[in-house]
Amino acid sequence: MNKTTHFDPWHDRHTISYRRLLVGLYREHLSMQFMAEEMEVSLPNLYNLHRRALASLKAHMTKPQA
């Protein structure tokens, strides 16, 4: 039996990282340097993660509701 899997960018393997990063930056007002250290990634990698998190959030918010 084939089961179609719906892809939701906020429920993939990066969900926890994306949410933690955005909550840390925008709700808790933590610095990028602090978040990089907390998430154990380099600062340049954190900037890339931030860009992908915002793109994922935008895609999630602009997709039509079924």
Protein backbone atom coordinates (compact mmCIF):
# COMPACT_ATOMS: atom_id res chain seq x y z
CA MET A 1 0.00 0.00 0.00
CA ASN A 2 1.46 3.37 -1.03
CA LYS A 3 1.16 6.11 1.49
CA THR A 4 1.80 9.65 0.33
CA THR A 5 3.84 11.67 2.77
CA HIS A 6 3.06 15.36 3.01
CA PHE A 7 6.19 17.48 3.39
CA ASP A 8 5.88 20.30 5.86
CA PRO A 9 9.04 22.37 6.29
CA TRP A 10 8.26 23.00 9.96
CA HIS A 11 8.07 19.28 10.70
CA ASP A 12 11.29 18.07 9.10
CA ARG A 13 14.52 17.15 10.84
CA HIS A 14 15.50 20.82 11.21
CA THR A 15 12.36 21.89 13.06
CA ILE A 16 13.93 22.02 16.50
CA SER A 17 16.96 23.96 15.25
CA TYR A 18 14.85 26.43 13.25
CA ARG A 19 12.45 27.06 16.09
CA ARG A 20 15.16 27.32 18.74
CA LEU A 21 17.13 29.76 16.61
CA LEU A 22 14.18 32.03 15.80
CA VAL A 23 12.81 31.97 19.34
CA GLY A 24 16.26 32.71 20.75
CA LEU A 25 16.87 35.61 18.40
CA TYR A 26 13.44 37.21 18.24
CA ARG A 27 11.70 36.38 21.53
CA GLU A 28 14.59 36.02 23.91
CA HIS A 29 16.75 38.67 22.16
CA LEU A 30 19.87 36.51 22.34
CA SER A 31 22.89 37.36 20.19
CA MET A 32 23.94 35.42 17.12
CA GLN A 33 27.23 34.61 18.85
CA PHE A 34 25.43 33.21 21.90
CA MET A 35 23.09 31.13 19.71
CA ALA A 36 26.03 29.75 17.73
CA GLU A 37 27.71 28.66 20.94
CA GLU A 38 24.49 27.19 22.37
CA MET A 39 23.73 25.28 19.17
CA GLU A 40 27.39 24.25 18.80
CA VAL A 41 27.79 25.58 15.26
CA SER A 42 30.13 28.15 13.76
CA LEU A 43 28.87 31.70 13.39
CA PRO A 44 28.88 31.53 9.55
CA ASN A 45 26.91 28.27 9.75
CA LEU A 46 24.42 29.93 12.09
CA TYR A 47 23.86 32.74 9.59
CA ASN A 48 23.08 30.12 6.93
CA LEU A 49 20.76 28.30 9.31
CA HIS A 50 19.02 31.61 10.07
CA ARG A 51 18.51 32.31 6.36
CA ARG A 52 17.06 28.83 5.81
CA ALA A 53 14.83 29.12 8.88
CA LEU A 54 13.36 32.41 7.63
CA ALA A 55 12.84 30.98 4.13
CA SER A 56 11.15 27.91 5.58
CA LEU A 57 8.89 30.04 7.76
CA LYS A 58 7.96 32.24 4.80
CA ALA A 59 7.15 29.19 2.66
CA HIS A 60 5.05 27.72 5.48
CA MET A 61 3.14 30.97 6.00
CA THR A 62 2.44 31.63 2.30
CA LYS A 63 1.32 28.16 1.26
CA PRO A 64 -2.41 27.82 0.56
CA GLN A 65 -4.41 26.13 3.27
CA ALA A 66 -6.00 22.84 2.26
